[in-house]
Amino acid sequence: MHSSNDAAQQPSLNHANLFSFPPTQRNGFLDSPTTKAKRSTDQSHNLRASFEKLQASLDKAFPEQARAI
């Protein structure tokens, strides 16, 4: 008979592991989608720019929808 410790050591096939989802991006493996020269050292500026790009892409995809902000 197996002990509970043996059961705890068995890998679960029902859960994701580090290799379940390989690191991919649209512009290549593990690389920033923007060039380094375009990024600011101010993180709030980077977040604001990303947010504005997102809003612009949503406006193009759903021009008839009213924006919340």
Protein backbone atom coordinates (compact mmCIF):
# COMPACT_ATOMS: atom_id res chain seq x y z
CA MET A 1 0.00 0.00 0.00
CA HIS A 2 1.24 3.50 -0.82
CA SER A 3 1.68 6.12 1.84
CA SER A 4 0.10 9.57 1.59
CA ASN A 5 3.62 10.98 1.21
CA ASP A 6 4.13 8.87 -1.92
CA ALA A 7 0.87 10.18 -3.35
CA ALA A 8 1.93 13.76 -2.68
CA GLN A 9 5.13 13.21 -4.67
CA GLN A 10 3.28 12.16 -7.83
CA PRO A 11 3.11 14.84 -10.53
CA SER A 12 -0.41 15.94 -11.32
CA LEU A 13 -1.40 15.81 -14.96
CA ASN A 14 -4.41 18.04 -14.27
CA HIS A 15 -2.41 21.17 -13.48
CA ALA A 16 -0.28 23.37 -15.68
CA ASN A 17 3.47 23.40 -15.19
CA LEU A 18 6.14 25.84 -16.33
CA PHE A 19 6.30 24.18 -19.73
CA SER A 20 2.56 24.13 -20.43
CA PHE A 21 2.57 27.61 -21.91
CA PRO A 22 5.79 28.46 -23.74
CA PRO A 23 6.83 32.12 -23.67
CA THR A 24 5.72 33.64 -26.94
CA GLN A 25 4.87 37.13 -28.09
CA ARG A 26 3.70 38.51 -31.41
CA ASN A 27 7.07 40.11 -32.13
CA GLY A 28 9.34 37.25 -31.09
CA PHE A 29 10.42 35.32 -28.06
CA LEU A 30 10.79 37.22 -24.78
CA ASP A 31 11.45 40.55 -26.42
CA SER A 32 9.78 43.85 -25.79
CA PRO A 33 7.08 44.74 -28.35
CA THR A 34 8.53 48.25 -28.53
CA THR A 35 12.10 49.23 -29.24
CA LYS A 36 14.22 50.23 -26.29
CA ALA A 37 14.69 53.78 -27.61
CA LYS A 38 10.94 54.47 -27.52
CA ARG A 39 10.45 53.41 -23.91
CA SER A 40 10.64 55.93 -21.12
CA THR A 41 12.38 55.28 -17.82
CA ASP A 42 9.23 56.64 -16.17
CA GLN A 43 6.94 53.63 -15.72
CA SER A 44 3.82 55.78 -15.36
CA HIS A 45 4.56 57.28 -18.78
CA ASN A 46 4.93 53.79 -20.27
CA LEU A 47 1.65 52.67 -18.72
CA ARG A 48 -0.14 55.78 -19.93
CA ALA A 49 1.18 55.26 -23.47
CA SER A 50 0.10 51.61 -23.42
CA PHE A 51 -3.34 52.59 -22.16
CA GLU A 52 -3.74 55.19 -24.90
CA LYS A 53 -2.71 52.63 -27.54
CA LEU A 54 -5.28 50.22 -26.14
CA GLN A 55 -8.01 52.85 -26.24
CA ALA A 56 -7.10 53.75 -29.82
CA SER A 57 -7.26 50.11 -30.89
CA LEU A 58 -10.64 49.70 -29.20
CA ASP A 59 -11.94 52.84 -30.92
CA LYS A 60 -10.96 51.33 -34.27
CA ALA A 61 -12.52 47.96 -33.46
CA PHE A 62 -15.73 49.37 -31.95
CA PRO A 63 -16.23 52.92 -33.28
CA GLU A 64 -19.95 52.98 -32.47
CA GLN A 65 -19.46 52.18 -28.77
CA ALA A 66 -19.27 55.02 -26.26
CA ARG A 67 -16.05 55.09 -24.27
CA ALA A 68 -16.31 54.91 -20.49
CA ILE A 69 -13.58 57.50 -19.94
